[in-house]
Structure formats: structure tokens, C-alpha cells
């Protein structure tokens, strides 16, 4: 399950690496059209494409990717507004493993686009690293940092 799949890089990487079925979710239909076009061009029939906000999706998958997205779904698009609500929702989608990227509020993308300022009235000010780690550890049996994707971003593997 590739949340915020954009044009499907990780969706296609899963398929190339022998994933039996992948689901790509995004709210940008122009990105999803790229996935459709590539799938058609290369006769890839084991990808489900979903145009939806993450909070409206009720499916589950063995492996869930939440990469470069938490700043969007916390305040901008899905408006969870709470680290607890966001991580709980991601856990409900995960059967085995969640790959999730922490994005610090000092990240250039967050500062430039002001992701955390979109819906201040709907937020509980829990978007910080301590709450992120606390909720991951509360909801998953094991949490392992894989590494940094850049100075303001860290990649984690959370296992049920």
C-alpha cells in the first residue's frame, strides 16, 4: 500500500520486486493517470489505483509505505491534526510492516509550503519527534530507525 503514491515510484518498485499486488493512493488524479499509463504501456495488471484522501481509505496491506507524507496528512490534506490519530489510522491499515518517514518541522518543504499551518485550529500541537516516536512505540511491537533520508528526515520500520 503506497500512501501518497504520486506517480508510483514505490508502487512500481514493489511490483518489480515480486510484490503480488500493490495499491497506489493519491489525491492528485494527474499523478494517478501516470500510473495508469505506465501500467497500460507495460501490461501491469496487479496495481489498484485509488483516488482518495488517506483518512477515507479503509483497506489493509501487509506492507504500508508512508514516505514523505506525514506533514501533508497531519494538517493539509487528511487533517488528522493529532499524531495519535494519524499513527492509529496508519496502524489500522498495516497488517505487518509500516515504513514511515519522520519529517521535522524545520524541513525546507514544511517551511516553504507551511504544511503545518494550514489547519491550525484543527491541530493539537502534537507534531513533534517525541510524540511521533511515542505513538509509533505505543502502536507497534517494534520500531527501528533505518536511517536518514536527509538531515531533517528519518526513515523508520514499524512492525506489528
Protein backbone atom coordinates (compact mmCIF):
# COMPACT_ATOMS: atom_id res chain seq x y z
CA UNK A 1 0.00 0.00 0.00
CA UNK A 2 1.69 3.17 -1.23
CA UNK A 3 0.15 6.18 0.53
CA UNK A 4 0.61 9.45 -1.31
CA UNK A 5 1.98 7.45 -4.22
CA UNK A 6 2.45 10.41 -6.59
CA UNK A 7 3.42 8.84 -9.93
CA UNK A 8 4.03 5.42 -8.41
CA UNK A 9 7.77 5.04 -7.98
CA UNK A 10 7.48 2.87 -4.86
CA UNK A 11 4.37 1.15 -6.22
CA UNK A 12 6.28 0.03 -9.30
CA UNK A 13 9.37 -0.86 -7.25
CA UNK A 14 7.20 -3.21 -5.18
CA UNK A 15 5.84 -4.87 -8.33
CA UNK A 16 9.32 -5.17 -9.89
CA UNK A 17 10.47 -6.84 -6.67
CA UNK A 18 7.80 -9.54 -6.91
CA UNK A 19 5.02 -7.99 -4.85
CA UNK A 20 1.87 -9.87 -5.88
CA UNK A 21 -0.38 -6.82 -5.70
CA UNK A 22 0.10 -3.15 -4.90
CA UNK A 23 -2.31 -0.33 -4.19
CA UNK A 24 -1.42 3.27 -5.01
CA UNK A 25 -3.36 6.01 -3.21
CA UNK A 26 -3.13 9.70 -4.00
CA UNK A 27 -5.44 12.70 -4.22
CA UNK A 28 -3.79 14.05 -7.38
CA UNK A 29 -5.52 12.42 -10.34
CA UNK A 30 -2.83 13.65 -12.75
CA UNK A 31 -0.26 11.59 -10.81
CA UNK A 32 -2.55 8.58 -10.78
CA UNK A 33 -3.02 8.91 -14.54
CA UNK A 34 0.74 8.45 -14.92
CA UNK A 35 0.49 5.15 -13.01
CA UNK A 36 -2.40 4.09 -15.25
CA UNK A 37 -0.46 4.99 -18.38
CA UNK A 38 2.68 3.13 -17.30
CA UNK A 39 0.63 0.12 -16.20
CA UNK A 40 -1.11 0.00 -19.57
CA UNK A 41 2.13 0.50 -21.54
CA UNK A 42 3.87 -2.37 -19.72
CA UNK A 43 0.80 -4.59 -19.25
CA UNK A 44 0.95 -4.41 -15.44
CA UNK A 45 -2.37 -5.65 -14.10
CA UNK A 46 -1.68 -6.09 -10.39
CA UNK A 47 -1.92 -2.47 -9.25
CA UNK A 48 -5.07 -0.96 -7.80
CA UNK A 49 -5.24 2.81 -8.14
CA UNK A 50 -7.28 4.76 -5.59
CA UNK A 51 -8.06 8.46 -5.81
CA UNK A 52 -8.74 9.34 -2.21
CA UNK A 53 -7.57 11.02 0.94
CA UNK A 54 -5.86 8.57 3.26
CA UNK A 55 -8.43 9.09 6.03
CA UNK A 56 -11.17 7.84 3.66
CA UNK A 57 -9.37 4.59 2.81
CA UNK A 58 -10.38 1.54 4.82
CA UNK A 59 -8.21 -1.19 3.30
CA UNK A 60 -5.28 -3.05 4.82
CA UNK A 61 -1.98 -4.29 3.42
CA UNK A 62 0.93 -6.42 4.56
CA UNK A 63 3.34 -3.55 3.90
CA UNK A 64 2.38 0.13 4.04
CA UNK A 65 4.58 2.98 2.79
CA UNK A 66 4.03 6.41 4.33
CA UNK A 67 7.00 8.17 2.81
CA UNK A 68 7.34 11.94 2.62
CA UNK A 69 3.71 12.35 3.59
CA UNK A 70 3.11 12.81 7.32
CA UNK A 71 3.38 16.60 7.14
CA UNK A 72 0.68 16.56 4.47
CA UNK A 73 -1.78 14.29 6.24
CA UNK A 74 -1.27 15.82 9.67
CA UNK A 75 -2.55 19.24 8.66
CA UNK A 76 -3.09 19.74 4.92
CA UNK A 77 -4.99 17.00 3.13
CA UNK A 78 -6.40 14.46 5.56
CA UNK A 79 -6.22 16.87 8.51
CA UNK A 80 -5.64 14.32 11.25
CA UNK A 81 -4.42 17.21 13.42
CA UNK A 82 -3.11 14.78 16.01
CA UNK A 83 -0.11 12.48 15.99
CA UNK A 84 -2.18 9.92 17.90
CA UNK A 85 -5.00 9.91 15.32
CA UNK A 86 -2.57 9.80 12.41
CA UNK A 87 -0.46 6.88 13.69
CA UNK A 88 -3.57 4.98 14.84
CA UNK A 89 -5.03 5.29 11.33
CA UNK A 90 -1.78 4.08 9.76
CA UNK A 91 -1.70 1.13 12.15
CA UNK A 92 -5.22 0.11 11.12
CA UNK A 93 -4.01 -0.11 7.50
CA UNK A 94 -0.96 -2.19 8.39
CA UNK A 95 -1.02 -5.98 8.67
CA UNK A 96 2.74 -6.45 9.14
CA UNK A 97 5.09 -3.51 8.45
CA UNK A 98 4.77 0.26 8.16
CA UNK A 99 7.61 2.17 6.55
CA UNK A 100 7.21 5.75 7.67
CA UNK A 101 9.34 8.84 7.25
CA UNK A 102 9.60 11.40 10.03
CA UNK A 103 9.80 14.92 8.63
CA UNK A 104 10.98 17.54 11.07
CA UNK A 105 9.15 20.89 11.26
CA UNK A 106 12.45 22.55 10.26
CA UNK A 107 12.40 20.69 6.90
CA UNK A 108 12.61 23.04 3.90
CA UNK A 109 9.41 21.66 2.35
CA UNK A 110 7.42 22.27 5.53
CA UNK A 111 8.86 25.76 5.95
CA UNK A 112 8.35 26.72 2.30
CA UNK A 113 4.81 25.36 1.89
CA UNK A 114 3.83 25.96 5.54
CA UNK A 115 2.28 22.45 5.75
CA UNK A 116 1.74 22.63 9.50
CA UNK A 117 -0.05 25.98 9.32
CA UNK A 118 -2.95 25.02 7.03
CA UNK A 119 -5.43 23.98 9.69
CA UNK A 120 -4.03 25.26 12.98
CA UNK A 121 -7.49 25.34 14.58
CA UNK A 122 -7.81 21.57 13.99
CA UNK A 123 -4.40 20.64 15.41
CA UNK A 124 -3.35 19.68 18.92
CA UNK A 125 0.31 20.81 18.55
CA UNK A 126 1.48 17.18 18.76
CA UNK A 127 3.56 17.31 15.57
CA UNK A 128 6.98 16.75 17.07
CA UNK A 129 9.53 13.96 17.12
CA UNK A 130 8.83 12.91 20.71
CA UNK A 131 5.11 12.40 20.05
CA UNK A 132 5.87 10.67 16.74
CA UNK A 133 8.14 8.14 18.45
CA UNK A 134 5.79 7.72 21.40
CA UNK A 135 2.82 6.90 19.14
CA UNK A 136 4.85 4.53 16.98
CA UNK A 137 6.08 2.67 20.05
CA UNK A 138 2.57 2.59 21.53
CA UNK A 139 1.02 1.17 18.35
CA UNK A 140 3.70 -1.18 17.03
CA UNK A 141 5.57 -4.09 18.62
CA UNK A 142 8.93 -2.89 17.29
CA UNK A 143 10.19 0.36 15.81
CA UNK A 144 13.55 0.56 14.09
CA UNK A 145 15.21 3.58 12.50
CA UNK A 146 16.57 2.57 9.10
CA UNK A 147 18.45 5.82 8.50
CA UNK A 148 18.22 9.45 7.48
CA UNK A 149 16.92 10.37 4.06
CA UNK A 150 18.28 13.89 4.67
CA UNK A 151 19.21 15.92 7.74
CA UNK A 152 15.57 16.71 8.60
CA UNK A 153 14.09 13.30 7.68
CA UNK A 154 14.38 9.82 9.17
CA UNK A 155 13.03 6.55 7.85
CA UNK A 156 11.51 4.00 10.25
CA UNK A 157 10.29 0.43 10.03
CA UNK A 158 7.42 -0.23 12.44
CA UNK A 159 6.32 -3.84 12.81
CA UNK A 160 3.01 -5.10 14.20
